[in-house]
Amino acid sequence: MQEEKKIKGLGDVVEVITQKTGIKKIMPKGCGCDKRKEKLNKLVPFKKK
């Protein structure tokens, strides 16, 4: 069984969507996806209270 990643923020949601739709496969290496993911996670974090 595949282990689920913890969703920390909006960047993680965008990453999951791009993986499921196949967009991530067609993006060139070094596209800045990781930097964009981290920035979005910092801007819109998901925290449990």
C-alpha atoms as a PDB file:
ATOM      1  CA  MET A   1       0.000   0.000   0.000  1.00  0.00           C
ATOM      2  CA  GLN A   2       1.299   3.446  -0.921  1.00  0.00           C
ATOM      3  CA  GLU A   3       1.920   5.814   1.955  1.00  0.00           C
ATOM      4  CA  GLU A   4       0.007   9.102   1.784  1.00  0.00           C
ATOM      5  CA  LYS A   5       2.028  12.307   1.980  1.00  0.00           C
ATOM      6  CA  LYS A   6       0.983  14.932   4.456  1.00  0.00           C
ATOM      7  CA  ILE A   7      -0.574  17.964   2.815  1.00  0.00           C
ATOM      8  CA  LYS A   8       1.089  21.004   4.386  1.00  0.00           C
ATOM      9  CA  GLY A   9      -0.434  23.721   2.209  1.00  0.00           C
ATOM     10  CA  LEU A  10      -1.629  24.880  -1.182  1.00  0.00           C
ATOM     11  CA  GLY A  11       1.652  23.957  -2.870  1.00  0.00           C
ATOM     12  CA  ASP A  12       1.163  20.300  -1.975  1.00  0.00           C
ATOM     13  CA  VAL A  13      -2.392  20.368  -3.373  1.00  0.00           C
ATOM     14  CA  VAL A  14      -1.160  21.849  -6.674  1.00  0.00           C
ATOM     15  CA  GLU A  15       1.550  19.169  -6.851  1.00  0.00           C
ATOM     16  CA  VAL A  16      -0.979  16.346  -6.357  1.00  0.00           C
ATOM     17  CA  ILE A  17      -3.261  17.795  -9.040  1.00  0.00           C
ATOM     18  CA  THR A  18      -0.420  18.154 -11.556  1.00  0.00           C
ATOM     19  CA  GLN A  19       0.707  14.583 -10.873  1.00  0.00           C
ATOM     20  CA  LYS A  20      -2.799  13.097 -11.206  1.00  0.00           C
ATOM     21  CA  THR A  21      -3.566  14.988 -14.434  1.00  0.00           C
ATOM     22  CA  GLY A  22      -0.199  14.179 -16.028  1.00  0.00           C
ATOM     23  CA  ILE A  23       0.944  17.794 -16.302  1.00  0.00           C
ATOM     24  CA  LYS A  24       3.997  17.094 -14.126  1.00  0.00           C
ATOM     25  CA  LYS A  25       5.260  14.471 -16.603  1.00  0.00           C
ATOM     26  CA  ILE A  26       5.426  16.951 -19.491  1.00  0.00           C
ATOM     27  CA  MET A  27       7.140  19.742 -17.539  1.00  0.00           C
ATOM     28  CA  PRO A  28      10.881  20.113 -18.198  1.00  0.00           C
ATOM     29  CA  LYS A  29      13.392  19.363 -15.447  1.00  0.00           C
ATOM     30  CA  GLY A  30      14.313  22.428 -13.442  1.00  0.00           C
ATOM     31  CA  CYS A  31      10.976  24.147 -14.072  1.00  0.00           C
ATOM     32  CA  GLY A  32      10.971  25.618 -10.550  1.00  0.00           C
ATOM     33  CA  CYS A  33       8.118  23.415  -9.331  1.00  0.00           C
ATOM     34  CA  ASP A  34       9.746  22.723  -5.962  1.00  0.00           C
ATOM     35  CA  LYS A  35      10.381  26.410  -5.285  1.00  0.00           C
ATOM     36  CA  ARG A  36       6.820  27.270  -6.298  1.00  0.00           C
ATOM     37  CA  LYS A  37       5.455  24.491  -4.057  1.00  0.00           C
ATOM     38  CA  GLU A  38       7.398  25.731  -1.028  1.00  0.00           C
ATOM     39  CA  LYS A  39       6.360  29.340  -1.631  1.00  0.00           C
ATOM     40  CA  LEU A  40       2.676  28.392  -1.931  1.00  0.00           C
ATOM     41  CA  ASN A  41       2.926  26.247   1.218  1.00  0.00           C
ATOM     42  CA  LYS A  42       4.290  29.247   3.124  1.00  0.00           C
ATOM     43  CA  LEU A  43       1.657  31.628   1.729  1.00  0.00           C
ATOM     44  CA  VAL A  44      -1.322  29.304   2.293  1.00  0.00           C
ATOM     45  CA  PRO A  45      -0.493  26.756   5.004  1.00  0.00           C
ATOM     46  CA  PHE A  46      -3.050  24.222   6.225  1.00  0.00           C
ATOM     47  CA  LYS A  47      -2.927  23.982   9.987  1.00  0.00           C
ATOM     48  CA  LYS A  48      -5.090  21.944  12.303  1.00  0.00           C
ATOM     49  CA  LYS A  49      -6.228  23.750  15.403  1.00  0.00           C
END
